Amino acid sequence: MEIKIRAIRTKEQYQEYLSKVDHLMEMDPEPNSQAGELLETLAILIEDYESRLGYDIPAVNDPIIIIRKRI
């Protein structure tokens, strides 16, 4: 699977990477394989994009804090 990797800048690119991650997860590649490395890289890029847009949820046990963060 060959794909041009770059930082996620658009919602369309984000959706494309999510789709590729779903496909790769179904394949269940070995971590050190080319597909495994691609999966890891895409996951890092997706996590970064979600963090920049405020998608990250704090790791707390108080649901009120989580709801306030999302609003």
Protein backbone atom coordinates (compact mmCIF):
# COMPACT_ATOMS: atom_id res chain seq x y z
CA MET A 1 0.00 0.00 0.00
CA GLU A 2 1.66 3.19 -1.16
CA ILE A 3 0.39 6.50 0.18
CA LYS A 4 1.82 9.99 0.35
CA ILE A 5 2.18 10.83 4.05
CA ARG A 6 1.90 14.38 5.30
CA ALA A 7 0.45 16.30 8.21
CA ILE A 8 -3.34 16.40 8.16
CA ARG A 9 -4.60 19.81 7.12
CA THR A 10 -8.17 19.17 5.92
CA LYS A 11 -11.21 17.26 7.07
CA GLU A 12 -11.14 15.29 3.80
CA GLN A 13 -7.56 14.20 4.41
CA TYR A 14 -8.52 13.26 7.98
CA GLN A 15 -11.38 11.09 6.71
CA GLU A 16 -9.07 9.48 4.14
CA TYR A 17 -6.51 8.59 6.80
CA LEU A 18 -9.25 7.21 9.10
CA SER A 19 -10.41 4.97 6.27
CA LYS A 20 -6.88 3.74 5.65
CA VAL A 21 -6.42 3.03 9.37
CA ASP A 22 -9.65 0.99 9.39
CA HIS A 23 -8.40 -1.02 6.43
CA LEU A 24 -4.99 -1.58 7.99
CA MET A 25 -6.51 -2.63 11.32
CA GLU A 26 -8.57 -5.26 9.52
CA MET A 27 -5.32 -6.61 8.04
CA ASP A 28 -3.79 -6.81 11.56
CA PRO A 29 -0.21 -6.30 10.32
CA GLU A 30 2.92 -7.19 12.24
CA PRO A 31 4.27 -4.09 14.05
CA ASN A 32 7.60 -4.08 12.19
CA SER A 33 6.10 -4.69 8.75
CA GLN A 34 5.61 -1.90 6.21
CA ALA A 35 1.84 -1.94 6.83
CA GLY A 36 2.40 -1.93 10.60
CA GLU A 37 4.67 1.08 10.38
CA LEU A 38 2.17 2.86 8.13
CA LEU A 39 -0.60 2.14 10.66
CA GLU A 40 1.49 3.59 13.47
CA THR A 41 2.37 6.70 11.46
CA LEU A 42 -1.23 7.35 10.43
CA ALA A 43 -2.42 6.89 14.02
CA ILE A 44 0.12 9.49 15.21
CA LEU A 45 -0.97 11.96 12.52
CA ILE A 46 -4.65 11.42 13.33
CA GLU A 47 -4.02 11.86 17.05
CA ASP A 48 -2.14 15.10 16.37
CA TYR A 49 -4.93 16.44 14.14
CA GLU A 50 -7.62 15.57 16.69
CA SER A 51 -5.60 17.19 19.45
CA ARG A 52 -5.15 20.40 17.46
CA LEU A 53 -8.92 20.59 16.89
CA GLY A 54 -9.72 19.91 20.53
CA TYR A 55 -11.01 16.35 20.06
CA ASP A 56 -8.90 15.10 22.95
CA ILE A 57 -10.82 14.11 26.06
CA PRO A 58 -9.14 14.62 29.42
CA ALA A 59 -8.32 11.48 31.34
CA VAL A 60 -10.43 12.27 34.38
CA ASN A 61 -13.23 10.47 36.14
CA ASP A 62 -15.46 13.54 36.34
CA PRO A 63 -17.99 13.55 33.46
CA ILE A 64 -18.75 17.25 34.06
CA ILE A 65 -15.17 18.20 33.14
CA ILE A 66 -15.40 16.09 29.98
CA ILE A 67 -18.73 17.71 28.98
CA ARG A 68 -17.32 21.21 29.59
CA LYS A 69 -14.27 20.39 27.49
CA ARG A 70 -16.48 19.25 24.60
CA ILE A 71 -18.65 22.40 24.74
